[in-house]
N, C-alpha and C. Protein backbone atom coordinates (compact mmCIF):
# COMPACT_ATOMS: atom_id res chain seq x y z
N MET A 1 0.84 -1.18 0.00
CA MET A 1 0.00 0.00 0.00
C MET A 1 0.89 1.25 0.00
N GLU A 2 0.53 2.20 -0.82
CA GLU A 2 1.26 3.46 -0.88
C GLU A 2 0.44 4.54 -0.19
N ARG A 3 1.11 5.33 0.61
CA ARG A 3 0.42 6.39 1.34
C ARG A 3 0.96 7.74 0.88
N GLU A 4 0.06 8.68 0.67
CA GLU A 4 0.46 10.01 0.22
C GLU A 4 -0.38 11.06 0.95
N ALA A 5 0.24 12.06 1.48
CA ALA A 5 -0.47 13.16 2.13
C ALA A 5 -0.59 14.31 1.13
N VAL A 6 -1.77 14.88 1.05
CA VAL A 6 -2.01 16.00 0.16
C VAL A 6 -2.35 17.21 1.03
N ALA A 7 -1.53 18.22 0.96
CA ALA A 7 -1.78 19.45 1.71
C ALA A 7 -2.45 20.45 0.78
N ILE A 8 -3.65 20.85 1.15
CA ILE A 8 -4.39 21.79 0.32
C ILE A 8 -4.35 23.16 0.99
N PRO A 9 -3.79 24.15 0.28
CA PRO A 9 -3.72 25.49 0.89
C PRO A 9 -5.11 26.10 1.05
N PRO A 10 -5.26 27.00 2.00
CA PRO A 10 -6.57 27.63 2.21
C PRO A 10 -6.98 28.47 1.00
N ILE A 11 -8.26 28.60 0.82
CA ILE A 11 -8.82 29.43 -0.24
C ILE A 11 -9.42 30.66 0.44
N VAL A 12 -8.97 31.83 0.02
CA VAL A 12 -9.47 33.08 0.59
C VAL A 12 -10.39 33.73 -0.43
N LEU A 13 -11.61 34.03 -0.01
CA LEU A 13 -12.59 34.63 -0.91
C LEU A 13 -12.76 36.11 -0.60
N ASP A 14 -12.65 36.93 -1.62
CA ASP A 14 -12.97 38.35 -1.52
C ASP A 14 -14.34 38.54 -2.18
N TRP A 15 -15.39 38.41 -1.38
CA TRP A 15 -16.75 38.50 -1.91
C TRP A 15 -17.06 39.91 -2.42
N SER A 16 -17.79 39.97 -3.51
CA SER A 16 -18.32 41.24 -3.98
C SER A 16 -19.41 41.68 -2.99
N ASP A 17 -19.88 42.90 -3.14
CA ASP A 17 -21.05 43.32 -2.38
C ASP A 17 -22.26 42.55 -2.91
N TRP A 18 -23.30 42.43 -2.10
CA TRP A 18 -24.55 41.85 -2.59
C TRP A 18 -25.12 42.82 -3.62
N THR A 19 -25.52 42.29 -4.77
CA THR A 19 -26.01 43.10 -5.89
C THR A 19 -27.43 42.68 -6.25
N ALA A 20 -28.28 43.65 -6.46
CA ALA A 20 -29.68 43.36 -6.82
C ALA A 20 -29.75 42.62 -8.15
N TRP A 21 -30.60 41.61 -8.21
CA TRP A 21 -30.84 40.82 -9.41
C TRP A 21 -31.14 41.75 -10.59
N SER A 22 -32.01 42.75 -10.37
CA SER A 22 -32.40 43.65 -11.46
C SER A 22 -31.21 44.44 -12.01
N ASP A 23 -30.24 44.79 -11.15
CA ASP A 23 -29.04 45.49 -11.63
C ASP A 23 -28.16 44.60 -12.49
N LEU A 24 -28.21 43.29 -12.25
CA LEU A 24 -27.43 42.34 -13.04
C LEU A 24 -28.04 42.13 -14.42
N LYS A 25 -29.32 42.44 -14.59
CA LYS A 25 -29.97 42.30 -15.90
C LYS A 25 -29.55 43.39 -16.87
N VAL A 26 -29.11 44.53 -16.35
CA VAL A 26 -28.74 45.67 -17.18
C VAL A 26 -27.35 45.45 -17.76
N ASP A 27 -27.18 45.74 -19.05
CA ASP A 27 -25.89 45.60 -19.71
C ASP A 27 -24.94 46.67 -19.22
N ALA A 28 -23.86 46.28 -18.56
CA ALA A 28 -22.91 47.23 -17.97
C ALA A 28 -22.08 47.96 -19.01
N ARG A 29 -22.05 47.50 -20.24
CA ARG A 29 -21.23 48.14 -21.27
C ARG A 29 -21.78 49.51 -21.67
N TYR A 30 -23.08 49.73 -21.46
CA TYR A 30 -23.70 50.96 -21.93
C TYR A 30 -24.15 51.87 -20.79
N GLY A 31 -23.52 51.78 -19.66
CA GLY A 31 -23.89 52.59 -18.51
C GLY A 31 -24.91 51.87 -17.66
N GLY A 32 -24.87 52.13 -16.37
CA GLY A 32 -25.76 51.41 -15.48
C GLY A 32 -25.29 49.97 -15.38
N GLY A 33 -26.07 49.14 -14.79
CA GLY A 33 -25.70 47.74 -14.66
C GLY A 33 -24.48 47.55 -13.77
N VAL A 34 -24.09 46.31 -13.63
CA VAL A 34 -22.99 45.94 -12.75
C VAL A 34 -22.04 45.04 -13.53
N ARG A 35 -20.77 45.31 -13.39
CA ARG A 35 -19.76 44.47 -14.05
C ARG A 35 -19.46 43.26 -13.18
N VAL A 36 -19.59 42.09 -13.79
CA VAL A 36 -19.22 40.83 -13.15
C VAL A 36 -17.94 40.39 -13.85
N PRO A 37 -16.96 39.87 -13.12
CA PRO A 37 -15.70 39.47 -13.77
C PRO A 37 -15.93 38.55 -14.98
N ASN A 38 -15.36 38.96 -16.10
CA ASN A 38 -15.53 38.24 -17.36
C ASN A 38 -14.37 37.27 -17.55
N ARG A 39 -14.69 36.05 -17.93
CA ARG A 39 -13.70 35.00 -18.19
C ARG A 39 -12.86 34.68 -16.95
N GLU A 40 -13.44 34.87 -15.78
CA GLU A 40 -12.77 34.57 -14.52
C GLU A 40 -13.54 33.46 -13.81
N PRO A 41 -12.84 32.44 -13.28
CA PRO A 41 -13.52 31.39 -12.53
C PRO A 41 -13.86 31.87 -11.12
N GLY A 42 -14.89 31.26 -10.54
CA GLY A 42 -15.25 31.65 -9.18
C GLY A 42 -16.49 30.95 -8.67
N VAL A 43 -17.02 31.49 -7.60
CA VAL A 43 -18.24 30.98 -6.97
C VAL A 43 -19.21 32.13 -6.77
N TYR A 44 -20.48 31.79 -6.58
CA TYR A 44 -21.51 32.82 -6.40
C TYR A 44 -22.61 32.28 -5.50
N GLU A 45 -23.37 33.20 -4.92
CA GLU A 45 -24.50 32.86 -4.06
C GLU A 45 -25.65 33.81 -4.39
N ALA A 46 -26.86 33.31 -4.25
CA ALA A 46 -28.05 34.15 -4.40
C ALA A 46 -28.94 33.91 -3.20
N LYS A 47 -29.59 34.99 -2.73
CA LYS A 47 -30.50 34.88 -1.59
C LYS A 47 -31.54 35.99 -1.69
N CYS A 48 -32.57 35.88 -0.88
CA CYS A 48 -33.53 36.97 -0.75
C CYS A 48 -32.94 37.99 0.21
N THR A 49 -33.25 39.25 0.00
CA THR A 49 -32.64 40.32 0.78
C THR A 49 -32.90 40.18 2.28
N ASP A 50 -34.03 39.65 2.66
CA ASP A 50 -34.39 39.57 4.08
C ASP A 50 -34.13 38.20 4.70
N ALA A 51 -33.33 37.37 4.05
CA ALA A 51 -33.09 36.01 4.54
C ALA A 51 -31.60 35.70 4.63
N GLU A 52 -31.26 34.84 5.57
CA GLU A 52 -29.87 34.39 5.68
C GLU A 52 -29.63 33.17 4.77
N GLU A 53 -30.67 32.35 4.62
CA GLU A 53 -30.54 31.15 3.80
C GLU A 53 -30.37 31.51 2.33
N ARG A 54 -29.58 30.71 1.64
CA ARG A 54 -29.30 30.94 0.22
C ARG A 54 -30.31 30.22 -0.66
N LEU A 55 -30.55 30.80 -1.83
CA LEU A 55 -31.36 30.13 -2.84
C LEU A 55 -30.49 29.17 -3.64
N THR A 56 -29.26 29.58 -3.91
CA THR A 56 -28.31 28.73 -4.61
C THR A 56 -26.89 29.14 -4.27
N ILE A 57 -26.00 28.19 -4.33
CA ILE A 57 -24.55 28.41 -4.23
C ILE A 57 -23.97 27.64 -5.40
N GLY A 58 -23.21 28.32 -6.26
CA GLY A 58 -22.69 27.64 -7.45
C GLY A 58 -21.27 28.02 -7.77
N LYS A 59 -20.74 27.31 -8.76
CA LYS A 59 -19.38 27.57 -9.25
C LYS A 59 -19.47 27.94 -10.72
N ALA A 60 -18.40 28.57 -11.20
CA ALA A 60 -18.38 29.00 -12.60
C ALA A 60 -16.96 29.03 -13.14
N SER A 61 -16.81 28.63 -14.38
CA SER A 61 -15.52 28.80 -15.06
C SER A 61 -15.43 30.22 -15.62
N ASP A 62 -16.59 30.86 -15.82
CA ASP A 62 -16.68 32.24 -16.29
C ASP A 62 -17.83 32.89 -15.51
N LEU A 63 -17.49 33.67 -14.50
CA LEU A 63 -18.51 34.23 -13.61
C LEU A 63 -19.55 35.06 -14.35
N ARG A 64 -19.12 35.92 -15.26
CA ARG A 64 -20.07 36.77 -15.98
C ARG A 64 -21.08 35.93 -16.77
N MET A 65 -20.58 34.95 -17.51
CA MET A 65 -21.47 34.12 -18.31
C MET A 65 -22.45 33.35 -17.41
N ARG A 66 -21.94 32.78 -16.35
CA ARG A 66 -22.77 31.94 -15.48
C ARG A 66 -23.81 32.77 -14.72
N ILE A 67 -23.39 33.93 -14.20
CA ILE A 67 -24.31 34.74 -13.39
C ILE A 67 -25.26 35.54 -14.27
N LYS A 68 -24.71 36.36 -15.15
CA LYS A 68 -25.57 37.27 -15.93
C LYS A 68 -26.36 36.54 -17.01
N GLN A 69 -25.67 35.72 -17.81
CA GLN A 69 -26.35 35.07 -18.94
C GLN A 69 -27.13 33.82 -18.54
N GLY A 70 -26.67 33.11 -17.53
CA GLY A 70 -27.35 31.88 -17.11
C GLY A 70 -28.32 32.10 -15.98
N LEU A 71 -27.81 32.46 -14.82
CA LEU A 71 -28.64 32.61 -13.62
C LEU A 71 -29.71 33.68 -13.79
N VAL A 72 -29.32 34.88 -14.18
CA VAL A 72 -30.24 36.02 -14.19
C VAL A 72 -31.07 36.11 -15.46
N LYS A 73 -30.44 36.06 -16.63
CA LYS A 73 -31.16 36.29 -17.88
C LYS A 73 -31.72 35.02 -18.53
N GLY A 74 -31.14 33.87 -18.22
CA GLY A 74 -31.63 32.63 -18.81
C GLY A 74 -31.26 32.45 -20.27
N LYS A 75 -30.23 33.13 -20.74
CA LYS A 75 -29.81 33.00 -22.14
C LYS A 75 -28.98 31.75 -22.38
N VAL A 76 -28.39 31.21 -21.32
CA VAL A 76 -27.70 29.92 -21.37
C VAL A 76 -28.30 29.06 -20.25
N PRO A 77 -28.28 27.74 -20.40
CA PRO A 77 -28.93 26.87 -19.41
C PRO A 77 -28.38 27.06 -17.99
N HIS A 78 -29.29 27.11 -17.04
CA HIS A 78 -28.94 27.20 -15.61
C HIS A 78 -30.18 26.73 -14.85
N SER A 79 -30.14 25.51 -14.33
CA SER A 79 -31.34 24.94 -13.70
C SER A 79 -31.81 25.75 -12.50
N ALA A 80 -30.91 26.19 -11.65
CA ALA A 80 -31.33 26.98 -10.49
C ALA A 80 -31.91 28.32 -10.95
N GLY A 81 -31.29 28.94 -11.94
CA GLY A 81 -31.78 30.22 -12.45
C GLY A 81 -33.19 30.10 -13.00
N GLN A 82 -33.42 29.05 -13.75
CA GLN A 82 -34.76 28.84 -14.33
C GLN A 82 -35.80 28.70 -13.23
N ARG A 83 -35.49 27.92 -12.21
CA ARG A 83 -36.45 27.71 -11.11
C ARG A 83 -36.61 28.96 -10.25
N ILE A 84 -35.54 29.71 -10.04
CA ILE A 84 -35.64 30.96 -9.28
C ILE A 84 -36.52 31.96 -10.03
N ARG A 85 -36.27 32.12 -11.33
CA ARG A 85 -37.08 33.06 -12.13
C ARG A 85 -38.55 32.68 -12.15
N ALA A 86 -38.82 31.37 -12.09
CA ALA A 86 -40.21 30.90 -12.16
C ALA A 86 -40.93 30.96 -10.81
N ASN A 87 -40.19 30.89 -9.70
CA ASN A 87 -40.84 30.71 -8.40
C ASN A 87 -40.58 31.80 -7.36
N GLU A 88 -39.70 32.70 -7.62
CA GLU A 88 -39.34 33.70 -6.61
C GLU A 88 -39.66 35.12 -7.10
N ASP A 89 -39.81 36.02 -6.16
CA ASP A 89 -39.97 37.44 -6.45
C ASP A 89 -38.57 37.99 -6.69
N ILE A 90 -38.17 38.12 -7.94
CA ILE A 90 -36.79 38.50 -8.25
C ILE A 90 -36.45 39.91 -7.80
N SER A 91 -37.45 40.73 -7.49
CA SER A 91 -37.15 42.07 -6.99
C SER A 91 -36.55 42.02 -5.59
N ARG A 92 -36.62 40.88 -4.93
CA ARG A 92 -36.08 40.72 -3.58
C ARG A 92 -34.77 39.92 -3.55
N ILE A 93 -34.24 39.55 -4.70
CA ILE A 93 -33.07 38.67 -4.74
C ILE A 93 -31.80 39.48 -4.97
N VAL A 94 -30.76 39.08 -4.23
CA VAL A 94 -29.43 39.67 -4.38
C VAL A 94 -28.43 38.55 -4.64
N VAL A 95 -27.34 38.90 -5.32
CA VAL A 95 -26.32 37.93 -5.72
C VAL A 95 -24.95 38.51 -5.35
N ARG A 96 -24.04 37.63 -4.96
CA ARG A 96 -22.64 38.04 -4.76
C ARG A 96 -21.75 36.97 -5.36
N TRP A 97 -20.48 37.32 -5.59
CA TRP A 97 -19.54 36.40 -6.21
C TRP A 97 -18.13 36.66 -5.70
N ALA A 98 -17.28 35.67 -5.92
CA ALA A 98 -15.86 35.79 -5.56
C ALA A 98 -15.05 35.03 -6.60
N VAL A 99 -13.97 35.62 -7.05
CA VAL A 99 -13.06 34.98 -7.99
C VAL A 99 -12.18 34.00 -7.23
N THR A 100 -12.01 32.80 -7.78
CA THR A 100 -11.07 31.83 -7.22
C THR A 100 -10.63 30.90 -8.35
N ASP A 101 -9.37 30.48 -8.30
CA ASP A 101 -8.88 29.56 -9.32
C ASP A 101 -9.24 28.11 -8.96
N ARG A 102 -9.97 27.91 -7.87
CA ARG A 102 -10.40 26.58 -7.46
C ARG A 102 -11.91 26.57 -7.19
N PRO A 103 -12.73 26.85 -8.21
CA PRO A 103 -14.17 26.96 -7.96
C PRO A 103 -14.84 25.68 -7.48
N ALA A 104 -14.44 24.53 -7.97
CA ALA A 104 -15.09 23.27 -7.56
C ALA A 104 -14.83 22.98 -6.08
N ALA A 105 -13.58 23.11 -5.66
CA ALA A 105 -13.25 22.86 -4.25
C ALA A 105 -13.94 23.89 -3.35
N THR A 106 -14.02 25.13 -3.81
CA THR A 106 -14.65 26.19 -3.04
C THR A 106 -16.15 25.94 -2.91
N GLU A 107 -16.79 25.60 -4.02
CA GLU A 107 -18.23 25.31 -3.98
C GLU A 107 -18.51 24.15 -3.03
N GLU A 108 -17.70 23.11 -3.10
CA GLU A 108 -17.89 21.96 -2.22
C GLU A 108 -17.80 22.37 -0.75
N GLU A 109 -16.82 23.19 -0.41
CA GLU A 109 -16.67 23.65 0.97
C GLU A 109 -17.83 24.55 1.39
N LEU A 110 -18.27 25.45 0.52
CA LEU A 110 -19.41 26.30 0.84
C LEU A 110 -20.67 25.47 1.08
N HIS A 111 -20.86 24.41 0.27
CA HIS A 111 -22.00 23.52 0.47
C HIS A 111 -21.90 22.79 1.81
N LYS A 112 -20.71 22.30 2.15
CA LYS A 112 -20.52 21.60 3.43
C LYS A 112 -20.85 22.53 4.60
N ARG A 113 -20.35 23.74 4.54
CA ARG A 113 -20.61 24.71 5.61
C ARG A 113 -22.10 25.04 5.70
N TYR A 114 -22.73 25.20 4.56
CA TYR A 114 -24.16 25.51 4.53
C TYR A 114 -24.96 24.35 5.13
N GLN A 115 -24.62 23.13 4.74
CA GLN A 115 -25.31 21.95 5.28
C GLN A 115 -25.10 21.83 6.79
N ALA A 116 -23.91 22.14 7.27
CA ALA A 116 -23.64 22.08 8.71
C ALA A 116 -24.50 23.10 9.46
N LYS A 117 -24.73 24.24 8.86
CA LYS A 117 -25.49 25.31 9.51
C LYS A 117 -27.00 25.12 9.40
N PHE A 118 -27.47 24.71 8.21
CA PHE A 118 -28.91 24.65 7.96
C PHE A 118 -29.46 23.23 7.81
N GLY A 119 -28.58 22.23 7.74
CA GLY A 119 -29.03 20.84 7.62
C GLY A 119 -29.56 20.46 6.25
N LYS A 120 -29.26 21.24 5.23
CA LYS A 120 -29.74 20.97 3.87
C LYS A 120 -28.94 21.80 2.88
N PHE A 121 -29.12 21.50 1.59
CA PHE A 121 -28.55 22.33 0.54
C PHE A 121 -29.41 23.59 0.39
N PRO A 122 -28.89 24.63 -0.26
CA PRO A 122 -29.74 25.78 -0.57
C PRO A 122 -30.97 25.35 -1.38
N LYS A 123 -32.02 26.10 -1.32
CA LYS A 123 -33.32 25.75 -1.91
C LYS A 123 -33.26 25.24 -3.34
N TYR A 124 -32.47 25.88 -4.20
CA TYR A 124 -32.40 25.49 -5.61
C TYR A 124 -31.07 24.83 -5.99
N THR A 125 -30.40 24.25 -5.02
CA THR A 125 -29.16 23.51 -5.26
C THR A 125 -29.45 22.04 -4.98
N GLU A 126 -29.17 21.18 -5.94
CA GLU A 126 -29.46 19.76 -5.77
C GLU A 126 -28.27 18.94 -5.30
N HIS A 127 -27.06 19.37 -5.66
CA HIS A 127 -25.86 18.60 -5.30
C HIS A 127 -24.63 19.47 -5.48
N THR A 128 -23.50 18.98 -4.99
CA THR A 128 -22.22 19.66 -5.19
C THR A 128 -21.66 19.29 -6.54
């Protein structure tokens, strides 16, 4: 049997401010709207403004594409986004994100922490 220890360095997240869903719908190139990092990997969370529990926690290889085009606008497939748009009052939803070069490991840890605190995945998250 071969034994190997793997030391994983900590991941530090610099979260953006919580941003209104409606502000993410506006194209930031023409004034107004909010810029989400383009072609940058990371993680994101969505919640209602008056709640601590999250609606979804996800990862992205391209934060802008995943958040703006998938989650918020529905121009690319995003199962949580589709269900949030269909079932929630989007005027009450806010989103935040953080760039990380290890989005899968970060998402997994965020899910573990969320499950430890709330005993379940976020409302529109099915798995890690």
